[in-house]
Amino acid sequence: MSSAADTSAVIVLTTVGADADAVELARALVEQRLVACVNVIAGVTSIYRWKDGVEQDDEQLLVMKTTKELVVALQARLRELHPYELPEFVVIPVSGGSEAYLGWLCGSVG
């Protein structure tokens, strides 16, 4: 297992509407080497506060794997491609994992 000290991997979360082309968005980010992998999870129901109200929408969750070094560039590109006025962008540090997988992840971006 890799330790927190030797991995720069992060997981980034965002959501898009149920009707959005999440696969096209994910493919663009992978092709541009901003992420190594994106899991597109359909069928997510989001309940959230927005503009003085409580909203509920069907969405798709995108789980993106990248490195700390690319977070700023990923956020900028996602902002350009994302259909929402204020897209979710949450970064979760990876504290360990398979050395082989983390090596592949880091080698697949940049």
Protein backbone atom coordinates (compact mmCIF):
# COMPACT_ATOMS: atom_id res chain seq x y z
CA MET A 1 0.00 0.00 0.00
CA SER A 2 1.10 3.49 -0.76
CA SER A 3 1.21 6.02 2.06
CA ALA A 4 -0.25 9.52 2.13
CA ALA A 5 3.24 10.99 1.98
CA ASP A 6 4.05 9.52 -1.42
CA THR A 7 0.85 10.01 -3.40
CA SER A 8 -0.37 13.13 -5.15
CA ALA A 9 -3.60 11.44 -6.20
CA VAL A 10 -6.94 13.10 -5.53
CA ILE A 11 -10.55 12.30 -6.27
CA VAL A 12 -12.70 15.13 -7.59
CA LEU A 13 -16.50 15.02 -7.50
CA THR A 14 -18.98 16.89 -9.65
CA THR A 15 -22.55 16.37 -10.77
CA VAL A 16 -24.38 17.10 -14.01
CA GLY A 17 -28.04 16.89 -14.91
CA ALA A 18 -29.62 13.56 -15.77
CA ASP A 19 -30.00 14.69 -19.40
CA ALA A 20 -26.43 16.04 -19.74
CA ASP A 21 -23.91 14.16 -21.87
CA ALA A 22 -21.72 13.11 -18.94
CA VAL A 23 -19.85 10.57 -21.09
CA GLU A 24 -18.80 13.26 -23.57
CA LEU A 25 -17.63 15.49 -20.71
CA ALA A 26 -15.71 12.63 -19.09
CA ARG A 27 -14.11 11.61 -22.39
CA ALA A 28 -12.94 15.18 -23.04
CA LEU A 29 -11.26 15.40 -19.63
CA VAL A 30 -9.52 12.03 -20.10
CA GLU A 31 -8.42 12.87 -23.65
CA GLN A 32 -6.99 16.17 -22.42
CA ARG A 33 -5.06 14.21 -19.74
CA LEU A 34 -6.59 16.27 -16.93
CA VAL A 35 -7.90 13.06 -15.35
CA ALA A 36 -6.88 9.42 -15.60
CA CYS A 37 -10.39 8.05 -15.17
CA VAL A 38 -13.97 9.21 -14.67
CA ASN A 39 -16.73 7.03 -13.25
CA VAL A 40 -20.14 8.21 -14.43
CA ILE A 41 -22.83 7.18 -11.96
CA ALA A 42 -26.38 7.75 -13.20
CA GLY A 43 -29.52 7.79 -11.09
CA VAL A 44 -28.40 10.19 -8.36
CA THR A 45 -31.06 12.29 -6.68
CA SER A 46 -29.73 15.56 -5.30
CA ILE A 47 -31.56 17.73 -2.78
CA TYR A 48 -29.89 21.07 -2.22
CA ARG A 49 -30.37 24.67 -1.23
CA TRP A 50 -30.22 27.10 -4.18
CA LYS A 51 -31.24 30.76 -4.40
CA ASP A 52 -33.40 30.84 -1.26
CA GLY A 53 -35.14 27.56 -1.98
CA VAL A 54 -34.75 23.83 -1.64
CA GLU A 55 -34.41 22.05 -4.97
CA GLN A 56 -34.48 18.40 -6.02
CA ASP A 57 -33.03 17.10 -9.29
CA ASP A 58 -32.04 13.85 -10.93
CA GLU A 59 -28.33 14.00 -11.69
CA GLN A 60 -25.27 12.00 -12.65
CA LEU A 61 -22.26 11.88 -10.36
CA LEU A 62 -18.80 12.09 -11.93
CA VAL A 63 -15.98 10.63 -9.84
CA MET A 64 -12.72 11.87 -11.35
CA LYS A 65 -9.22 10.62 -10.52
CA THR A 66 -6.32 13.01 -11.02
CA THR A 67 -3.37 14.57 -9.18
CA LYS A 68 -3.05 17.59 -6.90
CA GLU A 69 -0.91 19.27 -9.52
CA LEU A 70 -3.77 19.26 -12.05
CA VAL A 71 -6.63 20.38 -9.80
CA VAL A 72 -6.47 24.05 -10.84
CA ALA A 73 -6.35 23.20 -14.56
CA LEU A 74 -9.14 20.63 -14.15
CA GLN A 75 -11.34 23.12 -12.35
CA ALA A 76 -10.79 25.74 -15.06
CA ARG A 77 -11.57 23.30 -17.88
CA LEU A 78 -14.56 21.84 -16.09
CA ARG A 79 -15.91 25.36 -15.60
CA GLU A 80 -15.69 25.88 -19.39
CA LEU A 81 -17.42 22.60 -20.24
CA HIS A 82 -19.92 22.29 -17.40
CA PRO A 83 -23.58 23.17 -18.03
CA TYR A 84 -24.27 24.48 -14.49
CA GLU A 85 -23.98 28.07 -13.31
CA LEU A 86 -22.14 26.82 -10.21
CA PRO A 87 -20.77 23.31 -10.70
CA GLU A 88 -19.91 21.14 -7.74
CA PHE A 89 -16.13 20.77 -7.44
CA VAL A 90 -14.99 18.88 -4.36
CA VAL A 91 -11.43 17.57 -4.02
CA ILE A 92 -10.74 14.57 -1.78
CA PRO A 93 -7.11 13.64 -1.08
CA VAL A 94 -6.16 9.99 -1.53
CA SER A 95 -4.31 8.83 1.57
CA GLY A 96 -3.14 5.51 0.17
CA GLY A 97 -3.94 2.66 -2.13
CA SER A 98 -2.44 0.19 -4.55
CA GLU A 99 1.00 1.38 -5.63
CA ALA A 100 0.40 -0.05 -9.11
CA TYR A 101 -2.93 1.77 -9.49
CA LEU A 102 -1.61 5.06 -8.15
CA GLY A 103 1.40 4.79 -10.44
CA TRP A 104 -0.91 4.23 -13.41
CA LEU A 105 -3.08 7.18 -12.35
CA CYS A 106 -0.13 9.57 -12.05
CA GLY A 107 1.34 8.34 -15.33
CA SER A 108 -1.94 8.83 -17.20
CA VAL A 109 -2.31 12.57 -16.60
CA GLY A 110 -0.30 15.68 -17.30
